[in-house]
């Protein structure tokens, strides 16, 4: 069974940084693209970034491009989201995602709160 577990969220001041991790199990990790999404209070879940099987190419939402970097370590079955110059608008629950055989799997999410 596919399982995703996010970690690394927390409270940070505007301009600060956080690194989120997502550990995956139950799948051949290196053969799947991985993604990060986020959901702010009262808003729909939105795309943040995605990375292909071999780390290249990567794609980002316009709102985070230049501030956020997605990477992966296939040896550790883990995908990362390095977030720099955080803004209060980045406050959300961040979710890891993978699609396996047309089924979308999600982790439980990790809360990121950016104070002004």
PDB file of N, CA and C in Angstrom:
ATOM      1  N   UNK A   1       0.839  -1.179   0.000  1.00  0.00           N
ATOM      2  CA  UNK A   1       0.000   0.000   0.000  1.00  0.00           C
ATOM      3  C   UNK A   1       0.883   1.241   0.000  1.00  0.00           C
ATOM      4  N   UNK A   2       0.529   2.187  -0.853  1.00  0.00           N
ATOM      5  CA  UNK A   2       1.306   3.414  -0.958  1.00  0.00           C
ATOM      6  C   UNK A   2       1.049   4.277   0.267  1.00  0.00           C
ATOM      7  N   UNK A   3       2.125   4.740   0.868  1.00  0.00           N
ATOM      8  CA  UNK A   3       2.023   5.644   2.011  1.00  0.00           C
ATOM      9  C   UNK A   3       2.992   6.798   1.827  1.00  0.00           C
ATOM     10  N   UNK A   4       2.530   7.981   2.179  1.00  0.00           N
ATOM     11  CA  UNK A   4       3.338   9.187   2.121  1.00  0.00           C
ATOM     12  C   UNK A   4       3.290   9.859   3.486  1.00  0.00           C
ATOM     13  N   UNK A   5       4.429  10.289   3.976  1.00  0.00           N
ATOM     14  CA  UNK A   5       4.488  10.935   5.282  1.00  0.00           C
ATOM     15  C   UNK A   5       5.309  12.204   5.204  1.00  0.00           C
ATOM     16  N   UNK A   6       4.627  13.338   5.382  1.00  0.00           N
ATOM     17  CA  UNK A   6       5.299  14.628   5.348  1.00  0.00           C
ATOM     18  C   UNK A   6       5.821  15.010   6.729  1.00  0.00           C
ATOM     19  N   UNK A   7       6.859  15.829   6.724  1.00  0.00           N
ATOM     20  CA  UNK A   7       7.408  16.377   7.958  1.00  0.00           C
ATOM     21  C   UNK A   7       8.137  17.667   7.643  1.00  0.00           C
ATOM     22  N   UNK A   8       8.463  18.414   8.694  1.00  0.00           N
ATOM     23  CA  UNK A   8       9.283  19.608   8.519  1.00  0.00           C
ATOM     24  C   UNK A   8       8.548  20.916   8.595  1.00  0.00           C
ATOM     25  N   UNK A   9       7.225  20.875   8.738  1.00  0.00           N
ATOM     26  CA  UNK A   9       6.479  22.119   8.848  1.00  0.00           C
ATOM     27  C   UNK A   9       6.725  22.799  10.189  1.00  0.00           C
ATOM     28  N   UNK A  10       6.197  24.011  10.302  1.00  0.00           N
ATOM     29  CA  UNK A  10       6.349  24.743  11.555  1.00  0.00           C
ATOM     30  C   UNK A  10       5.978  26.195  11.397  1.00  0.00           C
ATOM     31  N   UNK A  11       6.326  26.963  12.420  1.00  0.00           N
ATOM     32  CA  UNK A  11       6.067  28.397  12.444  1.00  0.00           C
ATOM     33  C   UNK A  11       7.361  29.130  12.137  1.00  0.00           C
ATOM     34  N   UNK A  12       7.306  30.042  11.194  1.00  0.00           N
ATOM     35  CA  UNK A  12       8.493  30.793  10.794  1.00  0.00           C
ATOM     36  C   UNK A  12       8.086  32.235  10.490  1.00  0.00           C
ATOM     37  N   UNK A  13       9.006  33.143  10.690  1.00  0.00           N
ATOM     38  CA  UNK A  13       8.743  34.543  10.367  1.00  0.00           C
ATOM     39  C   UNK A  13       8.886  34.784   8.871  1.00  0.00           C
ATOM     40  N   UNK A  14       8.208  35.798   8.396  1.00  0.00           N
ATOM     41  CA  UNK A  14       8.331  36.163   6.988  1.00  0.00           C
ATOM     42  C   UNK A  14       9.806  36.386   6.641  1.00  0.00           C
ATOM     43  N   UNK A  15      10.192  35.865   5.486  1.00  0.00           N
ATOM     44  CA  UNK A  15      11.588  35.924   5.058  1.00  0.00           C
ATOM     45  C   UNK A  15      12.408  34.718   5.467  1.00  0.00           C
ATOM     46  N   UNK A  16      11.839  33.880   6.320  1.00  0.00           N
ATOM     47  CA  UNK A  16      12.550  32.693   6.788  1.00  0.00           C
ATOM     48  C   UNK A  16      12.464  31.533   5.818  1.00  0.00           C
ATOM     49  N   UNK A  17      13.014  30.404   6.253  1.00  0.00           N
ATOM     50  CA  UNK A  17      13.094  29.213   5.403  1.00  0.00           C
ATOM     51  C   UNK A  17      12.614  27.979   6.157  1.00  0.00           C
ATOM     52  N   UNK A  18      12.125  27.026   5.402  1.00  0.00           N
ATOM     53  CA  UNK A  18      11.774  25.704   5.920  1.00  0.00           C
ATOM     54  C   UNK A  18      12.079  24.672   4.849  1.00  0.00           C
ATOM     55  N   UNK A  19      12.374  23.470   5.296  1.00  0.00           N
ATOM     56  CA  UNK A  19      12.572  22.355   4.381  1.00  0.00           C
ATOM     57  C   UNK A  19      11.595  21.247   4.757  1.00  0.00           C
ATOM     58  N   UNK A  20      10.696  20.957   3.844  1.00  0.00           N
ATOM     59  CA  UNK A  20       9.737  19.885   4.048  1.00  0.00           C
ATOM     60  C   UNK A  20      10.271  18.601   3.443  1.00  0.00           C
ATOM     61  N   UNK A  21       9.916  17.487   4.073  1.00  0.00           N
ATOM     62  CA  UNK A  21      10.293  16.162   3.562  1.00  0.00           C
ATOM     63  C   UNK A  21       9.038  15.318   3.413  1.00  0.00           C
ATOM     64  N   UNK A  22       9.086  14.407   2.454  1.00  0.00           N
ATOM     65  CA  UNK A  22       8.000  13.450   2.259  1.00  0.00           C
ATOM     66  C   UNK A  22       8.628  12.088   2.018  1.00  0.00           C
ATOM     67  N   UNK A  23       8.435  11.185   2.961  1.00  0.00           N
ATOM     68  CA  UNK A  23       8.957   9.826   2.838  1.00  0.00           C
ATOM     69  C   UNK A  23       7.875   8.933   2.249  1.00  0.00           C
ATOM     70  N   UNK A  24       8.228   8.224   1.202  1.00  0.00           N
ATOM     71  CA  UNK A  24       7.267   7.370   0.503  1.00  0.00           C
ATOM     72  C   UNK A  24       7.594   5.901   0.725  1.00  0.00           C
ATOM     73  N   UNK A  25       6.544   5.071   0.763  1.00  0.00           N
ATOM     74  CA  UNK A  25       6.722   3.626   0.868  1.00  0.00           C
ATOM     75  C   UNK A  25       5.593   2.939   0.108  1.00  0.00           C
ATOM     76  N   UNK A  26       5.821   1.659  -0.200  1.00  0.00           N
ATOM     77  CA  UNK A  26       4.804   0.888  -0.892  1.00  0.00           C
ATOM     78  C   UNK A  26       4.783   1.061  -2.402  1.00  0.00           C
ATOM     79  N   UNK A  27       5.835   1.664  -2.937  1.00  0.00           N
ATOM     80  CA  UNK A  27       5.921   1.858  -4.385  1.00  0.00           C
ATOM     81  C   UNK A  27       7.389   1.897  -4.781  1.00  0.00           C
ATOM     82  N   UNK A  28       7.626   1.679  -6.072  1.00  0.00           N
ATOM     83  CA  UNK A  28       8.983   1.819  -6.597  1.00  0.00           C
ATOM     84  C   UNK A  28       9.199   3.310  -6.844  1.00  0.00           C
ATOM     85  N   UNK A  29       9.710   3.961  -5.834  1.00  0.00           N
ATOM     86  CA  UNK A  29       9.727   5.425  -5.773  1.00  0.00           C
ATOM     87  C   UNK A  29      10.362   6.054  -7.006  1.00  0.00           C
ATOM     88  N   UNK A  30      11.454   5.493  -7.453  1.00  0.00           N
ATOM     89  CA  UNK A  30      12.228   6.126  -8.530  1.00  0.00           C
ATOM     90  C   UNK A  30      11.502   6.145  -9.866  1.00  0.00           C
ATOM     91  N   UNK A  31      10.391   5.425  -9.971  1.00  0.00           N
ATOM     92  CA  UNK A  31       9.692   5.361 -11.247  1.00  0.00           C
ATOM     93  C   UNK A  31       8.500   6.307 -11.347  1.00  0.00           C
ATOM     94  N   UNK A  32       8.283   7.124 -10.305  1.00  0.00           N
ATOM     95  CA  UNK A  32       7.127   8.002 -10.289  1.00  0.00           C
ATOM     96  C   UNK A  32       7.512   9.463 -10.095  1.00  0.00           C
ATOM     97  N   UNK A  33       6.796  10.317 -10.811  1.00  0.00           N
ATOM     98  CA  UNK A  33       6.885  11.739 -10.528  1.00  0.00           C
ATOM     99  C   UNK A  33       6.223  12.010  -9.179  1.00  0.00           C
ATOM    100  N   UNK A  34       6.738  13.003  -8.481  1.00  0.00           N
ATOM    101  CA  UNK A  34       6.209  13.369  -7.168  1.00  0.00           C
ATOM    102  C   UNK A  34       5.811  14.839  -7.178  1.00  0.00           C
ATOM    103  N   UNK A  35       4.841  15.166  -6.349  1.00  0.00           N
ATOM    104  CA  UNK A  35       4.390  16.553  -6.315  1.00  0.00           C
ATOM    105  C   UNK A  35       4.116  17.038  -4.908  1.00  0.00           C
ATOM    106  N   UNK A  36       4.096  18.356  -4.790  1.00  0.00           N
ATOM    107  CA  UNK A  36       3.680  19.025  -3.549  1.00  0.00           C
ATOM    108  C   UNK A  36       2.501  19.939  -3.892  1.00  0.00           C
ATOM    109  N   UNK A  37       1.530  19.907  -2.995  1.00  0.00           N
ATOM    110  CA  UNK A  37       0.367  20.794  -3.086  1.00  0.00           C
ATOM    111  C   UNK A  37       0.197  21.466  -1.738  1.00  0.00           C
ATOM    112  N   UNK A  38      -0.645  22.489  -1.690  1.00  0.00           N
ATOM    113  CA  UNK A  38      -0.929  23.134  -0.408  1.00  0.00           C
ATOM    114  C   UNK A  38      -2.382  23.588  -0.365  1.00  0.00           C
ATOM    115  N   UNK A  39      -2.877  23.702   0.857  1.00  0.00           N
ATOM    116  CA  UNK A  39      -4.253  24.165   1.044  1.00  0.00           C
ATOM    117  C   UNK A  39      -4.288  25.149   2.205  1.00  0.00           C
ATOM    118  N   UNK A  40      -4.641  26.383   1.888  1.00  0.00           N
ATOM    119  CA  UNK A  40      -4.788  27.416   2.902  1.00  0.00           C
ATOM    120  C   UNK A  40      -6.214  27.386   3.445  1.00  0.00           C
ATOM    121  N   UNK A  41      -6.416  27.924   4.646  1.00  0.00           N
ATOM    122  CA  UNK A  41      -7.768  27.928   5.226  1.00  0.00           C
ATOM    123  C   UNK A  41      -8.780  28.607   4.306  1.00  0.00           C
ATOM    124  N   UNK A  42      -9.897  27.923   4.052  1.00  0.00           N
ATOM    125  CA  UNK A  42     -10.948  28.491   3.226  1.00  0.00           C
ATOM    126  C   UNK A  42     -10.686  28.482   1.737  1.00  0.00           C
ATOM    127  N   UNK A  43      -9.576  27.852   1.341  1.00  0.00           N
ATOM    128  CA  UNK A  43      -9.226  27.822  -0.082  1.00  0.00           C
ATOM    129  C   UNK A  43      -9.108  26.391  -0.573  1.00  0.00           C
ATOM    130  N   UNK A  44      -9.131  26.230  -1.887  1.00  0.00           N
ATOM    131  CA  UNK A  44      -8.962  24.909  -2.467  1.00  0.00           C
ATOM    132  C   UNK A  44      -7.485  24.512  -2.459  1.00  0.00           C
ATOM    133  N   UNK A  45      -7.266  23.230  -2.512  1.00  0.00           N
ATOM    134  CA  UNK A  45      -5.890  22.733  -2.608  1.00  0.00           C
ATOM    135  C   UNK A  45      -5.301  23.174  -3.950  1.00  0.00           C
ATOM    136  N   UNK A  46      -4.051  23.621  -3.918  1.00  0.00           N
ATOM    137  CA  UNK A  46      -3.418  24.119  -5.140  1.00  0.00           C
ATOM    138  C   UNK A  46      -2.046  23.489  -5.341  1.00  0.00           C
ATOM    139  N   UNK A  47      -1.670  23.421  -6.593  1.00  0.00           N
ATOM    140  CA  UNK A  47      -0.373  22.880  -6.996  1.00  0.00           C
ATOM    141  C   UNK A  47       0.754  23.802  -6.548  1.00  0.00           C
ATOM    142  N   UNK A  48       1.844  23.192  -6.083  1.00  0.00           N
ATOM    143  CA  UNK A  48       3.035  23.960  -5.716  1.00  0.00           C
ATOM    144  C   UNK A  48       4.204  23.613  -6.636  1.00  0.00           C
ATOM    145  N   UNK A  49       4.537  22.317  -6.715  1.00  0.00           N
ATOM    146  CA  UNK A  49       5.700  21.920  -7.506  1.00  0.00           C
ATOM    147  C   UNK A  49       5.622  20.433  -7.820  1.00  0.00           C
ATOM    148  N   UNK A  50       6.314  20.036  -8.865  1.00  0.00           N
ATOM    149  CA  UNK A  50       6.400  18.627  -9.205  1.00  0.00           C
ATOM    150  C   UNK A  50       7.777  18.319  -9.766  1.00  0.00           C
ATOM    151  N   UNK A  51       8.195  17.085  -9.613  1.00  0.00           N
ATOM    152  CA  UNK A  51       9.510  16.656 -10.071  1.00  0.00           C
ATOM    153  C   UNK A  51       9.366  15.298 -10.746  1.00  0.00           C
ATOM    154  N   UNK A  52      10.044  15.162 -11.870  1.00  0.00           N
ATOM    155  CA  UNK A  52       9.978  13.909 -12.607  1.00  0.00           C
ATOM    156  C   UNK A  52      10.840  12.842 -11.934  1.00  0.00           C
ATOM    157  N   UNK A  53      10.841  11.663 -12.527  1.00  0.00           N
ATOM    158  CA  UNK A  53      11.496  10.503 -11.918  1.00  0.00           C
ATOM    159  C   UNK A  53      12.977  10.729 -11.652  1.00  0.00           C
ATOM    160  N   UNK A  54      13.641  11.396 -12.577  1.00  0.00           N
ATOM    161  CA  UNK A  54      15.086  11.548 -12.465  1.00  0.00           C
ATOM    162  C   UNK A  54      15.486  12.965 -12.125  1.00  0.00           C
ATOM    163  N   UNK A  55      14.609  13.680 -11.424  1.00  0.00           N
ATOM    164  CA  UNK A  55      14.862  15.022 -10.896  1.00  0.00           C
ATOM    165  C   UNK A  55      14.796  16.132 -11.926  1.00  0.00           C
ATOM    166  N   UNK A  56      14.714  15.816 -13.168  1.00  0.00           N
ATOM    167  CA  UNK A  56      14.687  16.868 -14.174  1.00  0.00           C
ATOM    168  C   UNK A  56      13.707  16.471 -15.262  1.00  0.00           C
ATOM    169  N   UNK A  57      12.744  17.250 -15.679  1.00  0.00           N
ATOM    170  CA  UNK A  57      12.573  18.642 -15.248  1.00  0.00           C
ATOM    171  C   UNK A  57      11.723  18.772 -13.993  1.00  0.00           C
ATOM    172  N   UNK A  58      11.667  19.983 -13.502  1.00  0.00           N
ATOM    173  CA  UNK A  58      10.789  20.331 -12.396  1.00  0.00           C
ATOM    174  C   UNK A  58       9.866  21.460 -12.842  1.00  0.00           C
ATOM    175  N   UNK A  59       8.727  21.560 -12.194  1.00  0.00           N
ATOM    176  CA  UNK A  59       7.741  22.592 -12.536  1.00  0.00           C
ATOM    177  C   UNK A  59       7.229  23.223 -11.253  1.00  0.00           C
ATOM    178  N   UNK A  60       6.948  24.522 -11.333  1.00  0.00           N
ATOM    179  CA  UNK A  60       6.540  25.262 -10.147  1.00  0.00           C
ATOM    180  C   UNK A  60       5.337  26.149 -10.458  1.00  0.00           C
ATOM    181  N   UNK A  61       4.529  26.367  -9.422  1.00  0.00           N
ATOM    182  CA  UNK A  61       3.484  27.384  -9.527  1.00  0.00           C
ATOM    183  C   UNK A  61       4.133  28.751  -9.620  1.00  0.00           C
ATOM    184  N   UNK A  62       3.501  29.640 -10.334  1.00  0.00           N
ATOM    185  CA  UNK A  62       4.068  30.974 -10.527  1.00  0.00           C
ATOM    186  C   UNK A  62       4.269  31.698  -9.202  1.00  0.00           C
ATOM    187  N   UNK A  63       3.409  31.416  -8.236  1.00  0.00           N
ATOM    188  CA  UNK A  63       3.464  32.127  -6.957  1.00  0.00           C
ATOM    189  C   UNK A  63       4.667  31.749  -6.113  1.00  0.00           C
ATOM    190  N   UNK A  64       5.317  30.630  -6.420  1.00  0.00           N
ATOM    191  CA  UNK A  64       6.444  30.180  -5.599  1.00  0.00           C
ATOM    192  C   UNK A  64       7.753  30.111  -6.383  1.00  0.00           C
ATOM    193  N   UNK A  65       7.690  30.276  -7.684  1.00  0.00           N
ATOM    194  CA  UNK A  65       8.876  30.128  -8.516  1.00  0.00           C
ATOM    195  C   UNK A  65       9.956  31.108  -8.091  1.00  0.00           C
ATOM    196  N   UNK A  66      11.173  30.589  -7.942  1.00  0.00           N
ATOM    197  CA  UNK A  66      12.280  31.414  -7.507  1.00  0.00           C
ATOM    198  C   UNK A  66      12.503  31.403  -6.007  1.00  0.00           C
ATOM    199  N   UNK A  67      11.519  30.931  -5.261  1.00  0.00           N
ATOM    200  CA  UNK A  67      11.635  30.880  -3.796  1.00  0.00           C
ATOM    201  C   UNK A  67      11.617  29.448  -3.272  1.00  0.00           C
ATOM    202  N   UNK A  68      11.076  28.541  -4.046  1.00  0.00           N
ATOM    203  CA  UNK A  68      10.882  27.159  -3.598  1.00  0.00           C
ATOM    204  C   UNK A  68      11.553  26.216  -4.587  1.00  0.00           C
ATOM    205  N   UNK A  69      12.213  25.188  -4.044  1.00  0.00           N
ATOM    206  CA  UNK A  69      12.904  24.203  -4.871  1.00  0.00           C
ATOM    207  C   UNK A  69      12.483  22.800  -4.456  1.00  0.00           C
ATOM    208  N   UNK A  70      12.084  22.002  -5.433  1.00  0.00           N
ATOM    209  CA  UNK A  70      11.732  20.592  -5.175  1.00  0.00           C
ATOM    210  C   UNK A  70      12.893  19.721  -5.620  1.00  0.00           C
ATOM    211  N   UNK A  71      13.249  18.784  -4.776  1.00  0.00           N
ATOM    212  CA  UNK A  71      14.309  17.824  -5.092  1.00  0.00           C
ATOM    213  C   UNK A  71      13.877  16.445  -4.606  1.00  0.00           C
ATOM    214  N   UNK A  72      14.617  15.439  -5.004  1.00  0.00           N
ATOM    215  CA  UNK A  72      14.318  14.079  -4.559  1.00  0.00           C
ATOM    216  C   UNK A  72      15.596  13.299  -4.360  1.00  0.00           C
ATOM    217  N   UNK A  73      15.502  12.321  -3.464  1.00  0.00           N
ATOM    218  CA  UNK A  73      16.595  11.387  -3.226  1.00  0.00           C
ATOM    219  C   UNK A  73      16.014   9.996  -3.417  1.00  0.00           C
ATOM    220  N   UNK A  74      16.236   9.410  -4.570  1.00  0.00           N
ATOM    221  CA  UNK A  74      15.628   8.111  -4.864  1.00  0.00           C
ATOM    222  C   UNK A  74      16.184   6.997  -3.976  1.00  0.00           C
ATOM    223  N   UNK A  75      17.397   7.165  -3.478  1.00  0.00           N
ATOM    224  CA  UNK A  75      17.976   6.158  -2.578  1.00  0.00           C
ATOM    225  C   UNK A  75      17.260   6.155  -1.227  1.00  0.00           C
ATOM    226  N   UNK A  76      16.665   7.298  -0.852  1.00  0.00           N
ATOM    227  CA  UNK A  76      15.971   7.408   0.422  1.00  0.00           C
ATOM    228  C   UNK A  76      14.458   7.422   0.275  1.00  0.00           C
ATOM    229  N   UNK A  77      13.964   7.278  -0.951  1.00  0.00           N
ATOM    230  CA  UNK A  77      12.514   7.316  -1.199  1.00  0.00           C
ATOM    231  C   UNK A  77      11.882   8.578  -0.627  1.00  0.00           C
ATOM    232  N   UNK A  78      12.550   9.685  -0.808  1.00  0.00           N
ATOM    233  CA  UNK A  78      12.116  10.930  -0.183  1.00  0.00           C
ATOM    234  C   UNK A  78      12.143  12.074  -1.190  1.00  0.00           C
ATOM    235  N   UNK A  79      11.125  12.919  -1.103  1.00  0.00           N
ATOM    236  CA  UNK A  79      11.085  14.142  -1.888  1.00  0.00           C
ATOM    237  C   UNK A  79      11.077  15.316  -0.916  1.00  0.00           C
ATOM    238  N   UNK A  80      11.743  16.392  -1.312  1.00  0.00           N
ATOM    239  CA  UNK A  80      11.926  17.546  -0.438  1.00  0.00           C
ATOM    240  C   UNK A  80      11.337  18.802  -1.078  1.00  0.00           C
ATOM    241  N   UNK A  81      11.007  19.749  -0.213  1.00  0.00           N
ATOM    242  CA  UNK A  81      10.578  21.065  -0.678  1.00  0.00           C
ATOM    243  C   UNK A  81      11.319  22.104   0.157  1.00  0.00           C
ATOM    244  N   UNK A  82      12.312  22.727  -0.460  1.00  0.00           N
ATOM    245  CA  UNK A  82      13.063  23.791   0.206  1.00  0.00           C
ATOM    246  C   UNK A  82      12.361  25.110  -0.058  1.00  0.00           C
ATOM    247  N   UNK A  83      11.945  25.764   1.002  1.00  0.00           N
ATOM    248  CA  UNK A  83      11.180  26.997   0.872  1.00  0.00           C
ATOM    249  C   UNK A  83      11.951  28.149   1.493  1.00  0.00           C
ATOM    250  N   UNK A  84      12.281  29.135   0.691  1.00  0.00           N
ATOM    251  CA  UNK A  84      13.038  30.302   1.149  1.00  0.00           C
ATOM    252  C   UNK A  84      12.198  31.566   0.976  1.00  0.00           C
ATOM    253  N   UNK A  85      12.608  32.611   1.680  1.00  0.00           N
ATOM    254  CA  UNK A  85      11.913  33.902   1.594  1.00  0.00           C
ATOM    255  C   UNK A  85      10.396  33.709   1.728  1.00  0.00           C
ATOM    256  N   UNK A  86      10.015  33.004   2.766  1.00  0.00           N
ATOM    257  CA  UNK A  86       8.598  32.684   2.957  1.00  0.00           C
ATOM    258  C   UNK A  86       7.778  33.935   3.238  1.00  0.00           C
ATOM    259  N   UNK A  87       6.534  33.894   2.770  1.00  0.00           N
ATOM    260  CA  UNK A  87       5.606  35.003   2.923  1.00  0.00           C
ATOM    261  C   UNK A  87       4.369  34.535   3.689  1.00  0.00           C
ATOM    262  N   UNK A  88       3.664  35.451   4.329  1.00  0.00           N
ATOM    263  CA  UNK A  88       2.430  35.036   5.032  1.00  0.00           C
ATOM    264  C   UNK A  88       1.455  34.293   4.120  1.00  0.00           C
ATOM    265  N   UNK A  89       1.437  34.626   2.832  1.00  0.00           N
ATOM    266  CA  UNK A  89       0.545  33.932   1.886  1.00  0.00           C
ATOM    267  C   UNK A  89       0.938  32.474   1.659  1.00  0.00           C
ATOM    268  N   UNK A  90       2.116  32.091   2.109  1.00  0.00           N
ATOM    269  CA  UNK A  90       2.543  30.692   2.001  1.00  0.00           C
ATOM    270  C   UNK A  90       1.957  29.835   3.119  1.00  0.00           C
ATOM    271  N   UNK A  91       1.287  30.452   4.081  1.00  0.00           N
ATOM    272  CA  UNK A  91       0.684  29.709   5.179  1.00  0.00           C
ATOM    273  C   UNK A  91      -0.368  28.741   4.646  1.00  0.00           C
ATOM    274  N   UNK A  92      -0.182  27.451   4.966  1.00  0.00           N
ATOM    275  CA  UNK A  92      -1.069  26.413   4.446  1.00  0.00           C
ATOM    276  C   UNK A  92      -0.642  25.067   5.023  1.00  0.00           C
ATOM    277  N   UNK A  93      -1.485  24.075   4.793  1.00  0.00           N
ATOM    278  CA  UNK A  93      -1.069  22.695   5.013  1.00  0.00           C
ATOM    279  C   UNK A  93      -0.477  22.195   3.694  1.00  0.00           C
ATOM    280  N   UNK A  94       0.723  21.654   3.766  1.00  0.00           N
ATOM    281  CA  UNK A  94       1.429  21.186   2.577  1.00  0.00           C
ATOM    282  C   UNK A  94       1.314  19.668   2.481  1.00  0.00           C
ATOM    283  N   UNK A  95       0.931  19.210   1.292  1.00  0.00           N
ATOM    284  CA  UNK A  95       0.704  17.787   1.053  1.00  0.00           C
ATOM    285  C   UNK A  95       1.629  17.254  -0.035  1.00  0.00           C
ATOM    286  N   UNK A  96       2.101  16.061   0.177  1.00  0.00           N
ATOM    287  CA  UNK A  96       2.860  15.325  -0.810  1.00  0.00           C
ATOM    288  C   UNK A  96       1.890  14.491  -1.643  1.00  0.00           C
ATOM    289  N   UNK A  97       2.207  14.285  -2.913  1.00  0.00           N
ATOM    290  CA  UNK A  97       1.291  13.578  -3.813  1.00  0.00           C
ATOM    291  C   UNK A  97       2.043  12.701  -4.789  1.00  0.00           C
ATOM    292  N   UNK A  98       1.441  11.546  -5.069  1.00  0.00           N
ATOM    293  CA  UNK A  98       1.914  10.684  -6.152  1.00  0.00           C
ATOM    294  C   UNK A  98       0.692  10.025  -6.788  1.00  0.00           C
ATOM    295  N   UNK A  99       0.739   9.856  -8.090  1.00  0.00           N
ATOM    296  CA  UNK A  99      -0.318   9.170  -8.822  1.00  0.00           C
ATOM    297  C   UNK A  99       0.194   7.808  -9.266  1.00  0.00           C
ATOM    298  N   UNK A 100      -0.457   6.759  -8.816  1.00  0.00           N
ATOM    299  CA  UNK A 100      -0.069   5.401  -9.161  1.00  0.00           C
ATOM    300  C   UNK A 100      -1.263   4.714  -9.787  1.00  0.00           C
ATOM    301  N   UNK A 101      -1.115   4.316 -11.048  1.00  0.00           N
ATOM    302  CA  UNK A 101      -2.195   3.641 -11.785  1.00  0.00           C
ATOM    303  C   UNK A 101      -3.493   4.450 -11.691  1.00  0.00           C
ATOM    304  N   UNK A 102      -3.369   5.742 -11.942  1.00  0.00           N
ATOM    305  CA  UNK A 102      -4.506   6.671 -11.967  1.00  0.00           C
ATOM    306  C   UNK A 102      -5.187   6.860 -10.614  1.00  0.00           C
ATOM    307  N   UNK A 103      -4.521   6.463  -9.557  1.00  0.00           N
ATOM    308  CA  UNK A 103      -5.025   6.717  -8.211  1.00  0.00           C
ATOM    309  C   UNK A 103      -4.102   7.736  -7.558  1.00  0.00           C
ATOM    310  N   UNK A 104      -4.701   8.799  -7.028  1.00  0.00           N
ATOM    311  CA  UNK A 104      -3.918   9.835  -6.367  1.00  0.00           C
ATOM    312  C   UNK A 104      -3.768   9.498  -4.887  1.00  0.00           C
ATOM    313  N   UNK A 105      -2.517   9.507  -4.443  1.00  0.00           N
ATOM    314  CA  UNK A 105      -2.233   9.254  -3.036  1.00  0.00           C
ATOM    315  C   UNK A 105      -1.719  10.544  -2.400  1.00  0.00           C
ATOM    316  N   UNK A 106      -2.148  10.756  -1.144  1.00  0.00           N
ATOM    317  CA  UNK A 106      -1.776  11.953  -0.405  1.00  0.00           C
ATOM    318  C   UNK A 106      -1.264  11.591   0.975  1.00  0.00           C
ATOM    319  N   UNK A 107      -0.363  12.395   1.480  1.00  0.00           N
ATOM    320  CA  UNK A 107       0.026  12.255   2.867  1.00  0.00           C
ATOM    321  C   UNK A 107      -0.976  12.975   3.755  1.00  0.00           C
ATOM    322  N   UNK A 108      -0.666  13.003   5.053  1.00  0.00           N
ATOM    323  CA  UNK A 108      -1.578  13.632   6.017  1.00  0.00           C
ATOM    324  C   UNK A 108      -1.382  15.143   6.068  1.00  0.00           C
ATOM    325  N   UNK A 109      -0.289  15.616   5.479  1.00  0.00           N
ATOM    326  CA  UNK A 109      -0.020  17.043   5.430  1.00  0.00           C
ATOM    327  C   UNK A 109       0.834  17.521   6.591  1.00  0.00           C
ATOM    328  N   UNK A 110       1.514  18.624   6.359  1.00  0.00           N
ATOM    329  CA  UNK A 110       2.288  19.264   7.409  1.00  0.00           C
ATOM    330  C   UNK A 110       1.998  20.764   7.368  1.00  0.00           C
ATOM    331  N   UNK A 111       1.760  21.341   8.531  1.00  0.00           N
ATOM    332  CA  UNK A 111       1.338  22.737   8.627  1.00  0.00           C
ATOM    333  C   UNK A 111       2.545  23.671   8.534  1.00  0.00           C
ATOM    334  N   UNK A 112       2.426  24.653   7.664  1.00  0.00           N
ATOM    335  CA  UNK A 112       3.415  25.731   7.564  1.00  0.00           C
ATOM    336  C   UNK A 112       2.695  27.039   7.879  1.00  0.00           C
ATOM    337  N   UNK A 113       3.209  27.756   8.866  1.00  0.00           N
ATOM    338  CA  UNK A 113       2.618  29.035   9.251  1.00  0.00           C
ATOM    339  C   UNK A 113       3.704  30.108   9.182  1.00  0.00           C
ATOM    340  N   UNK A 114       3.441  31.139   8.412  1.00  0.00           N
ATOM    341  CA  UNK A 114       4.402  32.222   8.239  1.00  0.00           C
ATOM    342  C   UNK A 114       3.819  33.482   8.866  1.00  0.00           C
ATOM    343  N   UNK A 115       4.504  33.991   9.869  1.00  0.00           N
ATOM    344  CA  UNK A 115       4.029  35.194  10.559  1.00  0.00           C
ATOM    345  C   UNK A 115       4.643  36.444   9.937  1.00  0.00           C
ATOM    346  N   UNK A 116       3.880  37.515   9.967  1.00  0.00           N
ATOM    347  CA  UNK A 116       4.355  38.771   9.367  1.00  0.00           C
ATOM    348  C   UNK A 116       5.112  39.622  10.384  1.00  0.00           C
TER     349      UNK A 116
END
